[in-house]
N, C-alpha and C. Protein backbone atom coordinates (compact mmCIF):
# COMPACT_ATOMS: atom_id res chain seq x y z
N MET A 1 0.85 -1.16 0.00
CA MET A 1 0.00 0.00 0.00
C MET A 1 0.90 1.23 0.00
N PRO A 2 0.66 2.17 -0.90
CA PRO A 2 1.50 3.37 -0.94
C PRO A 2 1.18 4.31 0.23
N TYR A 3 2.18 5.00 0.66
CA TYR A 3 2.01 6.01 1.71
C TYR A 3 2.52 7.34 1.20
N LYS A 4 2.01 8.40 1.74
CA LYS A 4 2.41 9.72 1.29
C LYS A 4 2.45 10.66 2.48
N VAL A 5 3.45 11.51 2.49
CA VAL A 5 3.55 12.59 3.46
C VAL A 5 3.32 13.88 2.69
N TRP A 6 2.31 14.63 3.10
CA TRP A 6 1.99 15.86 2.39
C TRP A 6 2.85 17.00 2.88
N ALA A 7 3.22 17.87 1.96
CA ALA A 7 3.97 19.08 2.28
C ALA A 7 2.99 20.13 2.80
N VAL A 8 3.50 21.10 3.52
CA VAL A 8 2.67 22.20 4.01
C VAL A 8 2.04 22.89 2.82
N ASN A 9 0.74 23.16 2.90
CA ASN A 9 -0.06 23.82 1.87
C ASN A 9 -0.27 23.00 0.60
N GLU A 10 0.10 21.72 0.60
CA GLU A 10 -0.16 20.87 -0.55
C GLU A 10 -1.65 20.52 -0.58
N ILE A 11 -2.24 20.52 -1.74
CA ILE A 11 -3.66 20.25 -1.89
C ILE A 11 -3.93 18.76 -1.78
N LEU A 12 -4.95 18.41 -1.00
CA LEU A 12 -5.40 17.02 -0.85
C LEU A 12 -6.49 16.78 -1.89
N THR A 13 -6.21 15.95 -2.88
CA THR A 13 -7.15 15.72 -3.98
C THR A 13 -8.02 14.50 -3.69
N ALA A 14 -9.05 14.35 -4.51
CA ALA A 14 -9.91 13.16 -4.40
C ALA A 14 -9.09 11.90 -4.66
N ALA A 15 -8.20 11.95 -5.61
CA ALA A 15 -7.34 10.80 -5.91
C ALA A 15 -6.47 10.45 -4.71
N ASP A 16 -5.95 11.48 -4.02
CA ASP A 16 -5.16 11.23 -2.80
C ASP A 16 -6.02 10.56 -1.74
N MET A 17 -7.26 11.00 -1.61
CA MET A 17 -8.16 10.39 -0.62
C MET A 17 -8.36 8.91 -0.93
N ASN A 18 -8.58 8.58 -2.19
CA ASN A 18 -8.81 7.20 -2.57
C ASN A 18 -7.55 6.35 -2.51
N THR A 19 -6.43 6.90 -2.93
CA THR A 19 -5.19 6.13 -3.00
C THR A 19 -4.49 6.02 -1.66
N TYR A 20 -4.45 7.09 -0.91
CA TYR A 20 -3.66 7.10 0.33
C TYR A 20 -4.53 7.06 1.58
N VAL A 21 -5.35 8.07 1.78
CA VAL A 21 -6.08 8.22 3.03
C VAL A 21 -7.07 7.06 3.25
N GLY A 22 -7.81 6.68 2.22
CA GLY A 22 -8.78 5.59 2.35
C GLY A 22 -8.16 4.28 2.75
N ASN A 23 -6.92 4.08 2.37
CA ASN A 23 -6.22 2.84 2.70
C ASN A 23 -5.47 2.91 4.02
N GLN A 24 -5.46 4.07 4.66
CA GLN A 24 -4.68 4.24 5.88
C GLN A 24 -5.55 4.63 7.07
N THR A 25 -6.82 4.32 7.02
CA THR A 25 -7.74 4.63 8.11
C THR A 25 -8.50 3.36 8.49
N VAL A 26 -9.18 3.40 9.62
CA VAL A 26 -10.05 2.29 10.00
C VAL A 26 -11.41 2.57 9.37
N LEU A 27 -11.83 1.69 8.49
CA LEU A 27 -13.11 1.84 7.80
C LEU A 27 -14.18 1.12 8.60
N SER A 28 -15.33 1.74 8.80
CA SER A 28 -16.38 1.18 9.65
C SER A 28 -17.54 0.69 8.79
N PHE A 29 -17.96 -0.58 9.05
CA PHE A 29 -19.06 -1.19 8.31
C PHE A 29 -20.01 -1.88 9.28
N SER A 30 -21.23 -2.12 8.81
CA SER A 30 -22.22 -2.81 9.64
C SER A 30 -21.98 -4.32 9.69
N GLY A 31 -21.09 -4.82 8.87
CA GLY A 31 -20.76 -6.24 8.85
C GLY A 31 -19.85 -6.55 7.68
N THR A 32 -19.47 -7.82 7.57
CA THR A 32 -18.52 -8.20 6.51
C THR A 32 -19.15 -8.11 5.13
N ALA A 33 -20.47 -8.35 5.02
CA ALA A 33 -21.12 -8.24 3.71
C ALA A 33 -21.10 -6.80 3.21
N ALA A 34 -21.36 -5.86 4.11
CA ALA A 34 -21.32 -4.44 3.73
C ALA A 34 -19.90 -4.04 3.32
N ARG A 35 -18.92 -4.57 4.02
CA ARG A 35 -17.52 -4.27 3.67
C ARG A 35 -17.20 -4.82 2.28
N ALA A 36 -17.60 -6.07 2.02
CA ALA A 36 -17.32 -6.68 0.72
C ALA A 36 -17.95 -5.89 -0.42
N THR A 37 -19.14 -5.33 -0.18
CA THR A 37 -19.81 -4.53 -1.20
C THR A 37 -19.07 -3.21 -1.43
N ALA A 38 -18.59 -2.59 -0.34
CA ALA A 38 -17.96 -1.28 -0.44
C ALA A 38 -16.52 -1.35 -0.95
N ILE A 39 -15.80 -2.42 -0.61
CA ILE A 39 -14.39 -2.54 -1.00
C ILE A 39 -14.28 -3.66 -2.02
N GLY A 40 -14.19 -3.29 -3.28
CA GLY A 40 -14.10 -4.30 -4.31
C GLY A 40 -12.84 -5.13 -4.22
N THR A 41 -11.70 -4.47 -4.14
CA THR A 41 -10.42 -5.16 -4.05
C THR A 41 -9.65 -4.56 -2.87
N PRO A 42 -9.63 -5.24 -1.73
CA PRO A 42 -8.91 -4.69 -0.58
C PRO A 42 -7.40 -4.67 -0.83
N VAL A 43 -6.74 -3.78 -0.12
CA VAL A 43 -5.29 -3.63 -0.21
C VAL A 43 -4.70 -4.14 1.10
N GLU A 44 -3.61 -4.89 1.01
CA GLU A 44 -2.98 -5.43 2.21
C GLU A 44 -2.68 -4.30 3.19
N GLY A 45 -3.08 -4.51 4.45
CA GLY A 45 -2.87 -3.52 5.49
C GLY A 45 -4.12 -2.71 5.83
N MET A 46 -5.18 -2.81 4.99
CA MET A 46 -6.42 -2.10 5.31
C MET A 46 -6.98 -2.63 6.63
N VAL A 47 -7.59 -1.73 7.40
CA VAL A 47 -8.18 -2.11 8.68
C VAL A 47 -9.65 -1.72 8.65
N SER A 48 -10.52 -2.63 9.12
CA SER A 48 -11.95 -2.32 9.14
C SER A 48 -12.59 -2.78 10.43
N TYR A 49 -13.57 -2.00 10.87
CA TYR A 49 -14.42 -2.37 12.00
C TYR A 49 -15.69 -2.94 11.39
N VAL A 50 -16.07 -4.16 11.80
CA VAL A 50 -17.24 -4.81 11.20
C VAL A 50 -18.35 -5.08 12.22
N GLY A 51 -18.36 -4.33 13.30
CA GLY A 51 -19.42 -4.45 14.30
C GLY A 51 -19.08 -5.43 15.41
N SER A 52 -19.82 -5.33 16.49
CA SER A 52 -19.68 -6.21 17.66
C SER A 52 -18.26 -6.24 18.22
N GLY A 53 -17.57 -5.14 18.13
CA GLY A 53 -16.22 -5.06 18.68
C GLY A 53 -15.15 -5.75 17.86
N VAL A 54 -15.48 -6.16 16.63
CA VAL A 54 -14.53 -6.90 15.80
C VAL A 54 -13.81 -5.94 14.84
N VAL A 55 -12.47 -5.95 14.93
CA VAL A 55 -11.62 -5.17 14.03
C VAL A 55 -10.76 -6.16 13.26
N GLU A 56 -10.70 -5.99 11.93
CA GLU A 56 -9.94 -6.92 11.10
C GLU A 56 -8.96 -6.16 10.23
N VAL A 57 -7.86 -6.82 9.90
CA VAL A 57 -6.87 -6.27 8.98
C VAL A 57 -6.80 -7.18 7.77
N TYR A 58 -6.64 -6.58 6.57
CA TYR A 58 -6.51 -7.39 5.37
C TYR A 58 -5.06 -7.83 5.24
N ALA A 59 -4.84 -9.14 5.27
CA ALA A 59 -3.49 -9.70 5.28
C ALA A 59 -3.13 -10.34 3.95
N GLY A 60 -3.55 -9.74 2.86
CA GLY A 60 -3.20 -10.25 1.54
C GLY A 60 -3.83 -11.60 1.29
N THR A 61 -3.01 -12.59 0.92
CA THR A 61 -3.53 -13.91 0.58
C THR A 61 -4.22 -14.59 1.75
N ALA A 62 -3.92 -14.18 2.99
CA ALA A 62 -4.58 -14.76 4.17
C ALA A 62 -5.97 -14.18 4.36
N GLY A 63 -6.32 -13.13 3.62
CA GLY A 63 -7.64 -12.52 3.72
C GLY A 63 -7.77 -11.62 4.94
N TRP A 64 -9.00 -11.40 5.35
CA TRP A 64 -9.29 -10.57 6.51
C TRP A 64 -9.03 -11.36 7.78
N THR A 65 -8.24 -10.81 8.69
CA THR A 65 -7.86 -11.48 9.93
C THR A 65 -8.23 -10.60 11.11
N THR A 66 -8.87 -11.19 12.11
CA THR A 66 -9.29 -10.44 13.29
C THR A 66 -8.08 -9.97 14.08
N ILE A 67 -8.12 -8.71 14.50
CA ILE A 67 -7.09 -8.16 15.37
C ILE A 67 -7.59 -8.34 16.80
N SER A 68 -6.79 -8.95 17.64
CA SER A 68 -7.21 -9.15 19.02
C SER A 68 -6.26 -8.45 19.95
N GLY A 69 -6.71 -8.24 21.17
CA GLY A 69 -5.88 -7.59 22.19
C GLY A 69 -4.77 -8.51 22.65
N GLY A 70 -3.95 -7.99 23.52
CA GLY A 70 -2.78 -8.72 23.97
C GLY A 70 -3.04 -9.73 25.06
N GLY A 71 -4.23 -9.92 25.51
CA GLY A 71 -4.42 -10.96 26.51
C GLY A 71 -5.40 -10.60 27.60
N GLY A 72 -6.18 -9.60 27.39
CA GLY A 72 -7.24 -9.32 28.35
C GLY A 72 -6.78 -8.65 29.61
N GLY A 73 -5.87 -7.72 29.53
CA GLY A 73 -5.49 -7.04 30.74
C GLY A 73 -4.38 -6.03 30.54
N GLY A 74 -3.68 -6.13 29.45
CA GLY A 74 -2.60 -5.20 29.21
C GLY A 74 -1.46 -5.45 30.17
N ASN A 75 -0.54 -4.52 30.20
CA ASN A 75 0.60 -4.65 31.10
C ASN A 75 0.15 -4.48 32.54
N VAL A 76 0.71 -5.29 33.42
CA VAL A 76 0.40 -5.20 34.84
C VAL A 76 1.70 -5.20 35.63
N ALA A 77 1.60 -5.03 36.92
CA ALA A 77 2.76 -5.03 37.82
C ALA A 77 3.81 -4.02 37.34
N ASP A 78 3.38 -2.76 37.26
CA ASP A 78 4.29 -1.68 36.86
C ASP A 78 4.94 -1.94 35.51
N ASP A 79 4.16 -2.45 34.57
CA ASP A 79 4.62 -2.73 33.21
C ASP A 79 5.75 -3.75 33.14
N THR A 80 5.80 -4.67 34.07
CA THR A 80 6.82 -5.72 34.02
C THR A 80 6.26 -7.06 33.58
N ILE A 81 4.93 -7.19 33.50
CA ILE A 81 4.30 -8.43 33.07
C ILE A 81 3.36 -8.10 31.91
N GLN A 82 3.49 -8.85 30.82
CA GLN A 82 2.57 -8.70 29.68
C GLN A 82 1.78 -9.99 29.53
N PRO A 83 0.51 -10.01 29.97
CA PRO A 83 -0.28 -11.23 29.81
C PRO A 83 -0.61 -11.48 28.34
N ASN A 84 -0.76 -12.74 27.97
CA ASN A 84 -1.23 -13.09 26.64
C ASN A 84 -2.16 -14.29 26.72
N PHE A 85 -3.05 -14.39 25.72
CA PHE A 85 -3.93 -15.55 25.64
C PHE A 85 -3.07 -16.78 25.38
N ASN A 86 -3.60 -17.97 25.66
CA ASN A 86 -2.82 -19.19 25.43
C ASN A 86 -3.35 -20.01 24.26
N THR A 87 -4.33 -19.47 23.51
CA THR A 87 -4.86 -20.16 22.34
C THR A 87 -4.87 -19.23 21.14
N ILE A 88 -4.34 -19.70 20.02
CA ILE A 88 -4.35 -18.94 18.77
C ILE A 88 -5.53 -19.46 17.95
N THR A 89 -6.47 -18.57 17.62
CA THR A 89 -7.68 -18.97 16.91
C THR A 89 -7.71 -18.45 15.48
N ASN A 90 -6.82 -17.53 15.12
CA ASN A 90 -6.79 -16.95 13.78
C ASN A 90 -5.44 -17.22 13.13
N ASN A 91 -5.40 -17.22 11.82
CA ASN A 91 -4.14 -17.37 11.10
C ASN A 91 -3.25 -16.16 11.38
N TYR A 92 -1.96 -16.42 11.50
CA TYR A 92 -1.00 -15.32 11.69
C TYR A 92 0.27 -15.65 10.93
N THR A 93 0.82 -14.66 10.26
CA THR A 93 2.08 -14.82 9.54
C THR A 93 3.06 -13.77 10.02
N PHE A 94 4.23 -14.24 10.48
CA PHE A 94 5.32 -13.32 10.79
C PHE A 94 5.92 -12.88 9.46
N ASP A 95 6.00 -11.59 9.23
CA ASP A 95 6.65 -11.11 8.03
C ASP A 95 8.12 -11.50 8.05
N ASP A 96 8.74 -11.56 6.88
CA ASP A 96 10.17 -11.85 6.81
C ASP A 96 10.94 -10.85 7.66
N ASN A 97 11.95 -11.35 8.35
CA ASN A 97 12.85 -10.53 9.17
C ASN A 97 12.19 -9.96 10.43
N TYR A 98 11.10 -10.58 10.89
CA TYR A 98 10.46 -10.18 12.14
C TYR A 98 10.44 -11.38 13.09
N ASN A 99 10.62 -11.12 14.36
CA ASN A 99 10.59 -12.15 15.38
C ASN A 99 9.42 -11.92 16.32
N GLY A 100 9.04 -12.97 17.06
CA GLY A 100 7.97 -12.84 18.03
C GLY A 100 8.22 -13.75 19.21
N VAL A 101 7.58 -13.44 20.34
CA VAL A 101 7.72 -14.27 21.53
C VAL A 101 6.35 -14.41 22.18
N SER A 102 6.08 -15.60 22.70
CA SER A 102 4.84 -15.88 23.42
C SER A 102 5.19 -16.62 24.70
N ALA A 103 4.35 -16.44 25.73
CA ALA A 103 4.51 -17.23 26.95
C ALA A 103 3.63 -18.45 26.80
N GLY A 104 4.21 -19.63 27.00
CA GLY A 104 3.48 -20.88 26.74
C GLY A 104 2.99 -21.53 28.00
N PRO A 105 2.32 -22.66 27.84
CA PRO A 105 2.12 -23.35 26.56
C PRO A 105 1.09 -22.62 25.69
N ILE A 106 1.22 -22.81 24.38
CA ILE A 106 0.33 -22.20 23.39
C ILE A 106 -0.38 -23.31 22.63
N THR A 107 -1.69 -23.14 22.43
CA THR A 107 -2.47 -24.07 21.62
C THR A 107 -2.88 -23.36 20.35
N ILE A 108 -2.70 -24.01 19.19
CA ILE A 108 -3.17 -23.48 17.92
C ILE A 108 -4.44 -24.24 17.56
N SER A 109 -5.55 -23.51 17.48
CA SER A 109 -6.86 -24.13 17.23
C SER A 109 -6.90 -24.80 15.86
N ALA A 110 -7.77 -25.78 15.73
CA ALA A 110 -7.98 -26.46 14.45
C ALA A 110 -8.35 -25.43 13.39
N GLY A 111 -7.71 -25.50 12.26
CA GLY A 111 -7.98 -24.57 11.17
C GLY A 111 -7.14 -23.31 11.20
N ALA A 112 -6.50 -23.02 12.31
CA ALA A 112 -5.63 -21.84 12.41
C ALA A 112 -4.20 -22.25 12.12
N THR A 113 -3.43 -21.34 11.55
CA THR A 113 -2.02 -21.61 11.28
C THR A 113 -1.18 -20.42 11.69
N VAL A 114 0.06 -20.71 12.06
CA VAL A 114 1.05 -19.68 12.31
C VAL A 114 2.19 -19.95 11.35
N THR A 115 2.53 -18.97 10.55
CA THR A 115 3.59 -19.10 9.56
C THR A 115 4.73 -18.16 9.94
N VAL A 116 5.93 -18.71 10.03
CA VAL A 116 7.10 -17.92 10.39
C VAL A 116 7.87 -17.64 9.11
N GLY A 117 8.06 -16.36 8.81
CA GLY A 117 8.69 -15.95 7.56
C GLY A 117 10.19 -16.22 7.52
N THR A 118 10.77 -15.94 6.37
CA THR A 118 12.20 -16.12 6.16
C THR A 118 12.99 -15.19 7.08
N ALA A 119 14.04 -15.72 7.68
CA ALA A 119 14.91 -14.97 8.59
C ALA A 119 14.11 -14.43 9.79
N SER A 120 13.07 -15.17 10.18
CA SER A 120 12.24 -14.80 11.32
C SER A 120 12.27 -15.92 12.35
N ALA A 121 11.82 -15.60 13.56
CA ALA A 121 11.78 -16.62 14.62
C ALA A 121 10.59 -16.34 15.52
N TRP A 122 10.02 -17.42 16.06
CA TRP A 122 8.96 -17.33 17.05
C TRP A 122 9.40 -18.18 18.23
N SER A 123 9.56 -17.54 19.38
CA SER A 123 10.00 -18.25 20.59
C SER A 123 8.84 -18.34 21.56
N ILE A 124 8.63 -19.54 22.09
CA ILE A 124 7.61 -19.75 23.12
C ILE A 124 8.37 -20.09 24.40
N VAL A 125 8.24 -19.23 25.39
CA VAL A 125 8.98 -19.44 26.65
C VAL A 125 8.05 -19.90 27.75
């Protein structure tokens, strides 16, 4: 997805709105059917709210993937503990050259996959 930084006093055109701004905001829909009607061809990285607290990101060939919180509590104990869920229910792909860490044990639900990219690592401690 292309990104653009506008110069001071540069005019924001309709084409800029469609090419840049529309792809870099959270788009709100009443559901996935409404989103499919409004977005003919999604661009990787698009984010949409589809109701009932569900936010999804378009992950290219993986399709729309739900974005979830970090574990139902955020950082605790003076930001020294980061809780996380122990079950992965959605597909996730580590981009090439990115690493990740999870506190285990971790269960990957039936139908969900985790893909680790080239020169990437996923550590479960």
